[in-house]
Amino acid sequence: MLNNIGLPGLLLIAVVVLVLFGRGKISSLMGEVGKGITAFKKGVKDGTEEIEQANSGDEAKDVTPESEKDKV
């Protein structure tokens, strides 16, 4: 069904949405969507950097309990 919409169908949908909500409401809504996308991308980037920093600082650490080290 969605494969046959085409450009005229999309234009019709855009006009109907514009008439129903008005230009101001759509503008503010798109601004909020943009801010949300920007915040999401920043969060993903920060998380990736944090993981990379954690992995780069981790070298092979000896995690053997102290009682086991004394036996060896």
PDB file of N, CA and C in Angstrom:
ATOM      1  N   MET A   1       0.818  -1.188   0.000  1.00  0.00           N
ATOM      2  CA  MET A   1       0.000   0.000   0.000  1.00  0.00           C
ATOM      3  C   MET A   1       0.864   1.255   0.000  1.00  0.00           C
ATOM      4  N   LEU A   2       1.901   1.283   0.835  1.00  0.00           N
ATOM      5  CA  LEU A   2       2.737   2.463   0.925  1.00  0.00           C
ATOM      6  C   LEU A   2       3.669   2.614  -0.277  1.00  0.00           C
ATOM      7  N   ASN A   3       3.814   1.586  -1.064  1.00  0.00           N
ATOM      8  CA  ASN A   3       4.686   1.667  -2.225  1.00  0.00           C
ATOM      9  C   ASN A   3       4.087   2.521  -3.337  1.00  0.00           C
ATOM     10  N   ASN A   4       2.786   2.742  -3.325  1.00  0.00           N
ATOM     11  CA  ASN A   4       2.115   3.448  -4.411  1.00  0.00           C
ATOM     12  C   ASN A   4       1.718   4.881  -4.059  1.00  0.00           C
ATOM     13  N   ILE A   5       2.254   5.450  -2.991  1.00  0.00           N
ATOM     14  CA  ILE A   5       1.852   6.803  -2.594  1.00  0.00           C
ATOM     15  C   ILE A   5       2.363   7.820  -3.611  1.00  0.00           C
ATOM     16  N   GLY A   6       3.640   7.845  -3.863  1.00  0.00           N
ATOM     17  CA  GLY A   6       4.217   8.754  -4.843  1.00  0.00           C
ATOM     18  C   GLY A   6       4.251  10.201  -4.373  1.00  0.00           C
ATOM     19  N   LEU A   7       4.760  11.061  -5.220  1.00  0.00           N
ATOM     20  CA  LEU A   7       4.902  12.477  -4.894  1.00  0.00           C
ATOM     21  C   LEU A   7       3.558  13.187  -4.720  1.00  0.00           C
ATOM     22  N   PRO A   8       2.575  12.973  -5.599  1.00  0.00           N
ATOM     23  CA  PRO A   8       1.289  13.660  -5.385  1.00  0.00           C
ATOM     24  C   PRO A   8       0.617  13.289  -4.058  1.00  0.00           C
ATOM     25  N   GLY A   9       0.736  12.042  -3.666  1.00  0.00           N
ATOM     26  CA  GLY A   9       0.156  11.612  -2.395  1.00  0.00           C
ATOM     27  C   GLY A   9       0.844  12.254  -1.211  1.00  0.00           C
ATOM     28  N   LEU A  10       2.173  12.335  -1.270  1.00  0.00           N
ATOM     29  CA  LEU A  10       2.915  12.977  -0.192  1.00  0.00           C
ATOM     30  C   LEU A  10       2.586  14.465  -0.091  1.00  0.00           C
ATOM     31  N   LEU A  11       2.447  15.120  -1.233  1.00  0.00           N
ATOM     32  CA  LEU A  11       2.065  16.537  -1.227  1.00  0.00           C
ATOM     33  C   LEU A  11       0.677  16.736  -0.636  1.00  0.00           C
ATOM     34  N   LEU A  12      -0.250  15.862  -0.970  1.00  0.00           N
ATOM     35  CA  LEU A  12      -1.601  15.943  -0.422  1.00  0.00           C
ATOM     36  C   LEU A  12      -1.579  15.769   1.093  1.00  0.00           C
ATOM     37  N   ILE A  13      -0.807  14.816   1.573  1.00  0.00           N
ATOM     38  CA  ILE A  13      -0.695  14.587   3.019  1.00  0.00           C
ATOM     39  C   ILE A  13      -0.086  15.811   3.698  1.00  0.00           C
ATOM     40  N   ALA A  14       0.952  16.402   3.093  1.00  0.00           N
ATOM     41  CA  ALA A  14       1.589  17.585   3.658  1.00  0.00           C
ATOM     42  C   ALA A  14       0.619  18.754   3.738  1.00  0.00           C
ATOM     43  N   VAL A  15      -0.192  18.939   2.707  1.00  0.00           N
ATOM     44  CA  VAL A  15      -1.163  20.034   2.702  1.00  0.00           C
ATOM     45  C   VAL A  15      -2.218  19.814   3.773  1.00  0.00           C
ATOM     46  N   VAL A  16      -2.699  18.605   3.922  1.00  0.00           N
ATOM     47  CA  VAL A  16      -3.715  18.307   4.938  1.00  0.00           C
ATOM     48  C   VAL A  16      -3.151  18.555   6.335  1.00  0.00           C
ATOM     49  N   VAL A  17      -1.914  18.113   6.591  1.00  0.00           N
ATOM     50  CA  VAL A  17      -1.299  18.332   7.899  1.00  0.00           C
ATOM     51  C   VAL A  17      -1.117  19.823   8.149  1.00  0.00           C
ATOM     52  N   LEU A  18      -0.699  20.558   7.133  1.00  0.00           N
ATOM     53  CA  LEU A  18      -0.508  22.002   7.272  1.00  0.00           C
ATOM     54  C   LEU A  18      -1.825  22.701   7.589  1.00  0.00           C
ATOM     55  N   VAL A  19      -2.905  22.293   6.937  1.00  0.00           N
ATOM     56  CA  VAL A  19      -4.215  22.903   7.182  1.00  0.00           C
ATOM     57  C   VAL A  19      -4.706  22.564   8.589  1.00  0.00           C
ATOM     58  N   LEU A  20      -4.507  21.317   9.021  1.00  0.00           N
ATOM     59  CA  LEU A  20      -5.008  20.904  10.330  1.00  0.00           C
ATOM     60  C   LEU A  20      -4.246  21.558  11.486  1.00  0.00           C
ATOM     61  N   PHE A  21      -2.942  21.634  11.396  1.00  0.00           N
ATOM     62  CA  PHE A  21      -2.151  22.094  12.531  1.00  0.00           C
ATOM     63  C   PHE A  21      -1.655  23.523  12.413  1.00  0.00           C
ATOM     64  N   GLY A  22      -1.532  24.030  11.238  1.00  0.00           N
ATOM     65  CA  GLY A  22      -1.025  25.391  11.067  1.00  0.00           C
ATOM     66  C   GLY A  22       0.492  25.421  11.001  1.00  0.00           C
ATOM     67  N   ARG A  23       0.993  26.472  10.384  1.00  0.00           N
ATOM     68  CA  ARG A  23       2.425  26.583  10.148  1.00  0.00           C
ATOM     69  C   ARG A  23       3.221  26.723  11.444  1.00  0.00           C
ATOM     70  N   GLY A  24       2.718  27.486  12.384  1.00  0.00           N
ATOM     71  CA  GLY A  24       3.443  27.720  13.634  1.00  0.00           C
ATOM     72  C   GLY A  24       3.612  26.457  14.455  1.00  0.00           C
ATOM     73  N   LYS A  25       2.553  25.686  14.554  1.00  0.00           N
ATOM     74  CA  LYS A  25       2.607  24.449  15.360  1.00  0.00           C
ATOM     75  C   LYS A  25       3.562  23.447  14.722  1.00  0.00           C
ATOM     76  N   ILE A  26       3.538  23.321  13.415  1.00  0.00           N
ATOM     77  CA  ILE A  26       4.425  22.381  12.727  1.00  0.00           C
ATOM     78  C   ILE A  26       5.868  22.834  12.872  1.00  0.00           C
ATOM     79  N   SER A  27       6.116  24.131  12.779  1.00  0.00           N
ATOM     80  CA  SER A  27       7.464  24.666  12.918  1.00  0.00           C
ATOM     81  C   SER A  27       8.027  24.369  14.299  1.00  0.00           C
ATOM     82  N   SER A  28       7.234  24.594  15.329  1.00  0.00           N
ATOM     83  CA  SER A  28       7.714  24.326  16.684  1.00  0.00           C
ATOM     84  C   SER A  28       7.900  22.828  16.915  1.00  0.00           C
ATOM     85  N   LEU A  29       7.032  22.023  16.346  1.00  0.00           N
ATOM     86  CA  LEU A  29       7.151  20.575  16.479  1.00  0.00           C
ATOM     87  C   LEU A  29       8.425  20.068  15.807  1.00  0.00           C
ATOM     88  N   MET A  30       8.726  20.560  14.620  1.00  0.00           N
ATOM     89  CA  MET A  30       9.940  20.146  13.920  1.00  0.00           C
ATOM     90  C   MET A  30      11.187  20.628  14.659  1.00  0.00           C
ATOM     91  N   GLY A  31      11.107  21.793  15.290  1.00  0.00           N
ATOM     92  CA  GLY A  31      12.227  22.274  16.105  1.00  0.00           C
ATOM     93  C   GLY A  31      12.503  21.346  17.271  1.00  0.00           C
ATOM     94  N   GLU A  32      11.448  20.885  17.924  1.00  0.00           N
ATOM     95  CA  GLU A  32      11.602  19.952  19.039  1.00  0.00           C
ATOM     96  C   GLU A  32      12.137  18.608  18.568  1.00  0.00           C
ATOM     97  N   VAL A  33      11.691  18.148  17.414  1.00  0.00           N
ATOM     98  CA  VAL A  33      12.199  16.889  16.851  1.00  0.00           C
ATOM     99  C   VAL A  33      13.694  17.033  16.565  1.00  0.00           C
ATOM    100  N   GLY A  34      14.092  18.157  16.000  1.00  0.00           N
ATOM    101  CA  GLY A  34      15.508  18.407  15.725  1.00  0.00           C
ATOM    102  C   GLY A  34      16.349  18.419  16.983  1.00  0.00           C
ATOM    103  N   LYS A  35      15.841  19.052  18.044  1.00  0.00           N
ATOM    104  CA  LYS A  35      16.561  19.072  19.315  1.00  0.00           C
ATOM    105  C   LYS A  35      16.681  17.655  19.887  1.00  0.00           C
ATOM    106  N   GLY A  36      15.632  16.881  19.746  1.00  0.00           N
ATOM    107  CA  GLY A  36      15.671  15.505  20.240  1.00  0.00           C
ATOM    108  C   GLY A  36      16.682  14.656  19.494  1.00  0.00           C
ATOM    109  N   ILE A  37      16.741  14.803  18.183  1.00  0.00           N
ATOM    110  CA  ILE A  37      17.706  14.050  17.381  1.00  0.00           C
ATOM    111  C   ILE A  37      19.123  14.461  17.748  1.00  0.00           C
ATOM    112  N   THR A  38      19.342  15.767  17.924  1.00  0.00           N
ATOM    113  CA  THR A  38      20.663  16.260  18.300  1.00  0.00           C
ATOM    114  C   THR A  38      21.080  15.705  19.659  1.00  0.00           C
ATOM    115  N   ALA A  39      20.167  15.710  20.621  1.00  0.00           N
ATOM    116  CA  ALA A  39      20.474  15.184  21.948  1.00  0.00           C
ATOM    117  C   ALA A  39      20.760  13.685  21.890  1.00  0.00           C
ATOM    118  N   PHE A  40      20.028  12.956  21.073  1.00  0.00           N
ATOM    119  CA  PHE A  40      20.246  11.516  20.931  1.00  0.00           C
ATOM    120  C   PHE A  40      21.629  11.246  20.343  1.00  0.00           C
ATOM    121  N   LYS A  41      21.991  11.969  19.290  1.00  0.00           N
ATOM    122  CA  LYS A  41      23.299  11.780  18.658  1.00  0.00           C
ATOM    123  C   LYS A  41      24.418  12.114  19.639  1.00  0.00           C
ATOM    124  N   LYS A  42      24.248  13.181  20.427  1.00  0.00           N
ATOM    125  CA  LYS A  42      25.261  13.564  21.410  1.00  0.00           C
ATOM    126  C   LYS A  42      25.402  12.476  22.474  1.00  0.00           C
ATOM    127  N   GLY A  43      24.294  11.917  22.908  1.00  0.00           N
ATOM    128  CA  GLY A  43      24.335  10.850  23.900  1.00  0.00           C
ATOM    129  C   GLY A  43      25.030   9.604  23.381  1.00  0.00           C
ATOM    130  N   VAL A  44      24.751   9.245  22.137  1.00  0.00           N
ATOM    131  CA  VAL A  44      25.402   8.077  21.540  1.00  0.00           C
ATOM    132  C   VAL A  44      26.903   8.322  21.409  1.00  0.00           C
ATOM    133  N   LYS A  45      27.277   9.519  20.987  1.00  0.00           N
ATOM    134  CA  LYS A  45      28.697   9.865  20.831  1.00  0.00           C
ATOM    135  C   LYS A  45      29.406   9.830  22.185  1.00  0.00           C
ATOM    136  N   ASP A  46      28.788  10.421  23.204  1.00  0.00           N
ATOM    137  CA  ASP A  46      29.388  10.428  24.537  1.00  0.00           C
ATOM    138  C   ASP A  46      29.526   9.012  25.085  1.00  0.00           C
ATOM    139  N   GLY A  47      28.527   8.194  24.874  1.00  0.00           N
ATOM    140  CA  GLY A  47      28.591   6.803  25.334  1.00  0.00           C
ATOM    141  C   GLY A  47      29.683   6.021  24.634  1.00  0.00           C
ATOM    142  N   THR A  48      29.826   6.232  23.337  1.00  0.00           N
ATOM    143  CA  THR A  48      30.871   5.556  22.578  1.00  0.00           C
ATOM    144  C   THR A  48      32.249   5.980  23.058  1.00  0.00           C
ATOM    145  N   GLU A  49      32.428   7.292  23.280  1.00  0.00           N
ATOM    146  CA  GLU A  49      33.720   7.786  23.771  1.00  0.00           C
ATOM    147  C   GLU A  49      34.030   7.237  25.155  1.00  0.00           C
ATOM    148  N   GLU A  50      33.027   7.138  25.998  1.00  0.00           N
ATOM    149  CA  GLU A  50      33.230   6.612  27.347  1.00  0.00           C
ATOM    150  C   GLU A  50      33.661   5.148  27.298  1.00  0.00           C
ATOM    151  N   ILE A  51      33.035   4.374  26.429  1.00  0.00           N
ATOM    152  CA  ILE A  51      33.396   2.964  26.288  1.00  0.00           C
ATOM    153  C   ILE A  51      34.820   2.827  25.745  1.00  0.00           C
ATOM    154  N   GLU A  52      35.172   3.656  24.763  1.00  0.00           N
ATOM    155  CA  GLU A  52      36.523   3.603  24.198  1.00  0.00           C
ATOM    156  C   GLU A  52      37.566   3.972  25.242  1.00  0.00           C
ATOM    157  N   GLN A  53      37.276   4.976  26.066  1.00  0.00           N
ATOM    158  CA  GLN A  53      38.220   5.366  27.112  1.00  0.00           C
ATOM    159  C   GLN A  53      38.373   4.252  28.138  1.00  0.00           C
ATOM    160  N   ALA A  54      37.285   3.606  28.483  1.00  0.00           N
ATOM    161  CA  ALA A  54      37.341   2.525  29.454  1.00  0.00           C
ATOM    162  C   ALA A  54      38.139   1.347  28.896  1.00  0.00           C
ATOM    163  N   ASN A  55      37.976   1.058  27.619  1.00  0.00           N
ATOM    164  CA  ASN A  55      38.688  -0.061  27.014  1.00  0.00           C
ATOM    165  C   ASN A  55      40.161   0.254  26.802  1.00  0.00           C
ATOM    166  N   SER A  56      40.501   1.497  26.496  1.00  0.00           N
ATOM    167  CA  SER A  56      41.896   1.842  26.248  1.00  0.00           C
ATOM    168  C   SER A  56      42.699   1.837  27.545  1.00  0.00           C
ATOM    169  N   GLY A  57      42.065   2.143  28.651  1.00  0.00           N
ATOM    170  CA  GLY A  57      42.752   2.157  29.935  1.00  0.00           C
ATOM    171  C   GLY A  57      42.887   0.780  30.547  1.00  0.00           C
ATOM    172  N   ASP A  58      42.111  -0.163  30.067  1.00  0.00           N
ATOM    173  CA  ASP A  58      42.151  -1.516  30.623  1.00  0.00           C
ATOM    174  C   ASP A  58      43.227  -2.343  29.927  1.00  0.00           C
ATOM    175  N   GLU A  59      44.227  -2.678  30.708  1.00  0.00           N
ATOM    176  CA  GLU A  59      45.219  -3.612  30.212  1.00  0.00           C
ATOM    177  C   GLU A  59      44.939  -4.924  30.910  1.00  0.00           C
ATOM    178  N   ALA A  60      45.702  -5.924  30.592  1.00  0.00           N
ATOM    179  CA  ALA A  60      45.502  -7.226  31.219  1.00  0.00           C
ATOM    180  C   ALA A  60      45.784  -7.088  32.711  1.00  0.00           C
ATOM    181  N   LYS A  61      44.749  -7.204  33.499  1.00  0.00           N
ATOM    182  CA  LYS A  61      44.892  -7.068  34.943  1.00  0.00           C
ATOM    183  C   LYS A  61      44.799  -8.438  35.593  1.00  0.00           C
ATOM    184  N   ASP A  62      45.548  -8.605  36.641  1.00  0.00           N
ATOM    185  CA  ASP A  62      45.502  -9.849  37.393  1.00  0.00           C
ATOM    186  C   ASP A  62      44.332  -9.770  38.361  1.00  0.00           C
ATOM    187  N   VAL A  63      43.342 -10.606  38.149  1.00  0.00           N
ATOM    188  CA  VAL A  63      42.147 -10.574  38.986  1.00  0.00           C
ATOM    189  C   VAL A  63      42.084 -11.778  39.920  1.00  0.00           C
ATOM    190  N   THR A  64      43.223 -12.438  40.076  1.00  0.00           N
ATOM    191  CA  THR A  64      43.271 -13.590  40.962  1.00  0.00           C
ATOM    192  C   THR A  64      43.126 -13.118  42.402  1.00  0.00           C
ATOM    193  N   PRO A  65      42.294 -13.768  43.187  1.00  0.00           N
ATOM    194  CA  PRO A  65      42.146 -13.367  44.596  1.00  0.00           C
ATOM    195  C   PRO A  65      43.473 -13.470  45.335  1.00  0.00           C
ATOM    196  N   GLU A  66      43.646 -12.647  46.372  1.00  0.00           N
ATOM    197  CA  GLU A  66      44.903 -12.595  47.126  1.00  0.00           C
ATOM    198  C   GLU A  66      45.259 -13.958  47.718  1.00  0.00           C
ATOM    199  N   SER A  67      44.274 -14.705  48.183  1.00  0.00           N
ATOM    200  CA  SER A  67      44.548 -16.009  48.797  1.00  0.00           C
ATOM    201  C   SER A  67      45.120 -16.983  47.766  1.00  0.00           C
ATOM    202  N   GLU A  68      44.718 -16.879  46.530  1.00  0.00           N
ATOM    203  CA  GLU A  68      45.228 -17.743  45.468  1.00  0.00           C
ATOM    204  C   GLU A  68      46.662 -17.362  45.086  1.00  0.00           C
ATOM    205  N   LYS A  69      46.982 -16.059  45.144  1.00  0.00           N
ATOM    206  CA  LYS A  69      48.321 -15.600  44.781  1.00  0.00           C
ATOM    207  C   LYS A  69      49.364 -16.146  45.774  1.00  0.00           C
ATOM    208  N   ASP A  70      48.982 -16.238  47.031  1.00  0.00           N
ATOM    209  CA  ASP A  70      49.912 -16.718  48.053  1.00  0.00           C
ATOM    210  C   ASP A  70      50.278 -18.182  47.848  1.00  0.00           C
ATOM    211  N   LYS A  71      49.375 -18.955  47.268  1.00  0.00           N
ATOM    212  CA  LYS A  71      49.604 -20.390  47.068  1.00  0.00           C
ATOM    213  C   LYS A  71      50.583 -20.619  45.921  1.00  0.00           C
ATOM    214  N   VAL A  72      50.640 -19.722  44.975  1.00  0.00           N
ATOM    215  CA  VAL A  72      51.490 -19.931  43.789  1.00  0.00           C
ATOM    216  C   VAL A  72      52.872 -19.571  44.038  1.00  0.00           C
TER     217      VAL A  72
END
